[in-house]
N, C-alpha and C. Protein backbone atom coordinates (compact mmCIF):
# COMPACT_ATOMS: atom_id res chain seq x y z
N MET A 1 0.36 9.10 -7.70
CA MET A 1 0.71 8.22 -8.85
C MET A 1 0.10 8.85 -10.01
N HIS A 2 0.98 8.77 -11.14
CA HIS A 2 0.50 9.45 -12.44
C HIS A 2 0.42 8.29 -13.59
N CYS A 3 0.91 7.17 -13.41
CA CYS A 3 1.05 6.23 -14.49
C CYS A 3 1.22 4.83 -14.14
N SER A 4 1.20 3.98 -14.99
CA SER A 4 1.46 2.43 -14.58
C SER A 4 2.80 2.36 -14.13
N GLU A 5 3.76 3.04 -14.40
CA GLU A 5 5.24 2.85 -13.90
C GLU A 5 5.30 3.41 -12.47
N CYS A 6 4.46 4.34 -12.15
CA CYS A 6 4.15 4.74 -10.57
C CYS A 6 3.67 3.67 -9.91
N GLU A 7 2.61 2.97 -10.46
CA GLU A 7 2.04 1.77 -9.81
C GLU A 7 3.13 0.78 -9.49
N ALA A 8 3.97 0.31 -10.54
CA ALA A 8 4.92 -0.55 -10.34
C ALA A 8 6.05 -0.19 -9.27
N HIS A 9 6.13 1.11 -9.33
CA HIS A 9 7.39 1.72 -8.19
C HIS A 9 6.69 1.44 -6.90
N VAL A 10 5.53 1.75 -6.64
CA VAL A 10 4.82 1.73 -5.32
C VAL A 10 4.76 0.32 -4.79
N ASN A 11 4.25 -0.70 -5.83
CA ASN A 11 4.19 -1.89 -5.54
C ASN A 11 5.50 -2.48 -5.01
N ASP A 12 6.58 -2.21 -5.78
CA ASP A 12 7.94 -2.61 -5.47
C ASP A 12 8.36 -2.22 -4.03
N LEU A 13 8.05 -0.91 -3.81
CA LEU A 13 8.36 -0.46 -2.42
C LEU A 13 7.76 -1.16 -1.34
N PHE A 14 6.41 -1.46 -1.57
CA PHE A 14 5.75 -2.17 -0.48
C PHE A 14 6.33 -3.70 -0.40
N ARG A 15 6.59 -4.33 -1.62
CA ARG A 15 7.02 -5.68 -1.48
C ARG A 15 8.45 -5.76 -0.74
N LYS A 16 9.19 -4.85 -1.11
CA LYS A 16 10.66 -4.89 -0.55
C LYS A 16 10.52 -4.53 0.95
N ASN A 17 9.63 -3.63 1.40
CA ASN A 17 9.74 -3.06 2.75
C ASN A 17 8.73 -3.67 3.90
N LEU A 18 7.79 -4.41 3.27
CA LEU A 18 6.79 -4.87 4.33
C LEU A 18 6.83 -6.52 4.29
N LYS A 19 6.97 -7.06 5.46
CA LYS A 19 7.03 -8.61 5.62
C LYS A 19 5.56 -8.86 5.74
N HIS A 20 5.23 -10.05 5.38
CA HIS A 20 3.91 -10.71 5.58
C HIS A 20 2.79 -10.13 4.35
N LEU A 21 3.50 -9.49 3.40
CA LEU A 21 2.61 -8.96 2.29
C LEU A 21 2.27 -10.27 1.39
N ILE A 22 1.11 -10.44 1.10
CA ILE A 22 0.48 -11.52 0.30
C ILE A 22 0.27 -10.94 -1.10
N GLN A 23 -0.32 -9.80 -1.27
CA GLN A 23 -0.61 -9.24 -2.50
C GLN A 23 -0.65 -7.62 -2.43
N VAL A 24 -0.23 -7.06 -3.44
CA VAL A 24 -0.47 -5.61 -3.49
C VAL A 24 -0.87 -5.25 -4.90
N LYS A 25 -1.91 -4.28 -4.96
CA LYS A 25 -2.46 -3.85 -6.26
C LYS A 25 -2.54 -2.31 -6.11
N SER A 26 -1.99 -1.49 -7.08
CA SER A 26 -2.04 -0.13 -7.09
C SER A 26 -2.70 0.46 -8.34
N SER A 27 -3.33 1.43 -8.22
CA SER A 27 -4.19 2.22 -9.39
C SER A 27 -3.84 3.72 -9.45
N HIS A 28 -3.03 4.06 -10.40
CA HIS A 28 -2.94 5.41 -10.53
C HIS A 28 -4.10 6.32 -10.86
N LEU A 29 -5.13 5.57 -11.47
CA LEU A 29 -6.27 6.26 -11.79
C LEU A 29 -7.05 6.54 -10.41
N LYS A 30 -7.18 5.64 -9.49
CA LYS A 30 -7.81 5.83 -8.10
C LYS A 30 -6.89 6.44 -7.06
N LYS A 31 -5.54 6.56 -7.51
CA LYS A 31 -4.56 7.07 -6.44
C LYS A 31 -4.65 6.18 -5.36
N GLN A 32 -4.69 4.91 -5.49
CA GLN A 32 -4.82 3.93 -4.34
C GLN A 32 -4.08 2.61 -4.50
N SER A 33 -3.71 2.06 -3.29
CA SER A 33 -3.18 0.71 -3.31
C SER A 33 -3.98 -0.04 -2.25
N ILE A 34 -4.19 -1.36 -2.72
CA ILE A 34 -4.83 -2.35 -1.83
C ILE A 34 -3.68 -3.40 -1.56
N LEU A 35 -3.48 -3.44 -0.14
CA LEU A 35 -2.56 -4.46 0.34
C LEU A 35 -3.35 -5.58 1.05
N SER A 36 -2.73 -6.84 0.83
CA SER A 36 -3.41 -7.95 1.51
C SER A 36 -2.20 -8.57 2.29
N SER A 37 -2.53 -8.81 3.58
CA SER A 37 -1.22 -9.33 4.26
C SER A 37 -1.93 -10.36 5.29
N ASP A 38 -1.05 -11.34 5.79
CA ASP A 38 -1.44 -12.39 6.64
C ASP A 38 -1.49 -11.92 8.09
N ILE A 39 -1.09 -10.72 8.32
CA ILE A 39 -1.12 -9.98 9.74
C ILE A 39 -1.68 -8.70 9.58
N VAL A 40 -2.09 -8.01 10.68
CA VAL A 40 -2.49 -6.61 10.49
C VAL A 40 -1.28 -5.80 10.54
N LEU A 41 -1.10 -5.04 9.42
CA LEU A 41 0.14 -4.16 9.34
C LEU A 41 -0.01 -2.86 10.05
N LYS A 42 1.03 -2.40 10.81
CA LYS A 42 0.91 -1.23 11.48
C LYS A 42 1.11 -0.12 10.78
N GLU A 43 0.36 1.06 10.92
CA GLU A 43 0.23 2.23 10.23
C GLU A 43 1.71 2.86 9.97
N GLU A 44 2.45 2.82 11.00
CA GLU A 44 3.88 3.29 10.98
C GLU A 44 4.77 2.62 9.98
N ASP A 45 4.67 1.22 9.83
CA ASP A 45 5.24 0.49 9.01
C ASP A 45 4.98 0.59 7.61
N ILE A 46 3.61 1.02 7.38
CA ILE A 46 3.14 1.16 5.96
C ILE A 46 3.70 2.59 5.57
N LYS A 47 3.75 3.47 6.40
CA LYS A 47 4.23 4.83 5.97
C LYS A 47 5.71 4.68 5.89
N LYS A 48 6.33 3.89 6.68
CA LYS A 48 7.90 3.78 6.50
C LYS A 48 8.34 3.24 5.26
N ALA A 49 7.51 2.19 4.67
CA ALA A 49 7.68 1.62 3.62
C ALA A 49 7.96 2.58 2.36
N LEU A 50 7.34 3.62 2.27
CA LEU A 50 7.36 4.69 1.36
C LEU A 50 8.25 5.84 1.55
N GLU A 51 8.95 5.79 2.68
CA GLU A 51 9.73 6.92 3.24
C GLU A 51 10.77 7.16 2.17
N GLY A 52 10.98 8.57 1.75
CA GLY A 52 11.88 8.87 0.86
C GLY A 52 11.44 8.92 -0.53
N SER A 53 10.29 8.38 -0.85
CA SER A 53 9.91 8.12 -2.23
C SER A 53 9.16 9.27 -2.80
N GLY A 54 8.62 10.18 -1.89
CA GLY A 54 7.97 11.27 -2.48
C GLY A 54 6.30 11.03 -2.40
N TYR A 55 6.10 9.74 -1.95
CA TYR A 55 4.66 9.47 -1.89
C TYR A 55 4.24 9.62 -0.39
N ARG A 56 2.96 10.28 -0.25
CA ARG A 56 2.57 10.47 1.02
C ARG A 56 1.24 9.84 1.21
N ILE A 57 0.90 9.06 2.23
CA ILE A 57 -0.35 8.34 2.55
C ILE A 57 -1.37 9.26 3.05
N LEU A 58 -2.50 9.40 2.46
CA LEU A 58 -3.47 10.40 2.80
C LEU A 58 -4.54 9.79 3.79
N GLY A 59 -4.63 8.37 3.64
CA GLY A 59 -5.62 7.72 4.49
C GLY A 59 -5.37 6.24 4.49
N ILE A 60 -5.83 5.55 5.51
CA ILE A 60 -5.61 4.11 5.68
C ILE A 60 -6.91 3.64 6.01
N GLU A 61 -7.37 2.71 5.44
CA GLU A 61 -8.77 2.03 5.81
C GLU A 61 -8.59 0.52 5.80
N TYR A 62 -8.81 -0.03 6.90
CA TYR A 62 -8.63 -1.55 7.16
C TYR A 62 -9.97 -2.22 6.98
N HIS A 63 -9.93 -3.39 6.36
CA HIS A 63 -10.90 -4.31 6.02
C HIS A 63 -10.38 -5.79 6.44
N ASN A 64 -11.22 -6.49 7.49
CA ASN A 64 -10.89 -7.95 7.79
C ASN A 64 -11.09 -8.61 6.58
N GLY A 65 -10.41 -9.63 6.44
CA GLY A 65 -10.46 -10.69 5.27
C GLY A 65 -11.73 -11.45 5.58
N LYS A 66 -11.87 -12.28 4.68
CA LYS A 66 -13.04 -13.27 4.74
C LYS A 66 -12.89 -14.20 5.87
N LYS A 67 -13.93 -14.77 6.45
CA LYS A 67 -13.99 -15.43 7.69
C LYS A 67 -12.94 -16.77 7.67
N ASP A 68 -12.89 -17.23 6.38
CA ASP A 68 -11.99 -18.58 6.36
C ASP A 68 -10.55 -18.33 5.87
N THR A 69 -10.17 -16.97 5.87
CA THR A 69 -8.83 -16.68 5.59
C THR A 69 -8.11 -15.86 6.72
N LEU A 70 -6.79 -15.74 6.66
CA LEU A 70 -6.06 -14.97 7.68
C LEU A 70 -5.55 -13.54 7.02
N SER A 71 -6.27 -13.25 5.82
CA SER A 71 -5.72 -12.13 5.16
C SER A 71 -6.47 -10.82 5.83
N TYR A 72 -5.80 -9.70 5.55
CA TYR A 72 -6.29 -8.42 5.82
C TYR A 72 -6.11 -7.59 4.75
N ARG A 73 -7.14 -6.69 4.33
CA ARG A 73 -7.00 -5.82 3.32
C ARG A 73 -6.85 -4.45 3.81
N ILE A 74 -6.08 -3.61 3.18
CA ILE A 74 -5.82 -2.22 3.51
C ILE A 74 -5.93 -1.36 2.23
N ALA A 75 -6.72 -0.28 2.28
CA ALA A 75 -6.87 0.54 1.21
C ALA A 75 -6.21 1.77 1.69
N LEU A 76 -5.28 2.26 0.72
CA LEU A 76 -4.46 3.42 0.92
C LEU A 76 -4.72 4.59 -0.19
N ARG A 77 -4.76 5.72 0.17
CA ARG A 77 -4.82 6.86 -0.86
C ARG A 77 -3.49 7.63 -0.64
N PHE A 78 -3.18 7.97 -1.94
CA PHE A 78 -1.81 8.62 -2.00
C PHE A 78 -1.76 10.01 -2.65
N HIS A 79 -0.76 10.68 -2.29
CA HIS A 79 -0.54 11.92 -2.93
C HIS A 79 1.09 12.04 -3.30
N HIS A 80 1.48 12.32 -4.41
CA HIS A 80 2.91 12.41 -4.72
C HIS A 80 3.35 13.95 -4.65
N GLU A 81 4.37 14.10 -3.78
CA GLU A 81 4.98 15.36 -3.57
C GLU A 81 5.89 15.62 -4.81
N GLU A 82 5.50 16.77 -5.39
CA GLU A 82 6.34 17.25 -6.62
C GLU A 82 7.51 18.06 -5.95
N ASN A 83 8.74 17.82 -6.62
CA ASN A 83 9.97 18.54 -6.18
C ASN A 83 10.14 19.97 -6.92
């Protein structure tokens, strides 16, 4: 991700392609997105959400949500493939 427009594009891809997504926040400065979901998302579904976009996930880190919620947080690191 290079700019705020890239952040919006990545966020839109996740919202469009992932069911059960509660919140998504992306940062081009950190080259990372944080996904919150009411279920544990499968790694293959997360990668598939970005398929064909030029973005490649470099790492996935799962964090259980707070004890009183059903949300799960996932931190993703990105690299954009230049054509």
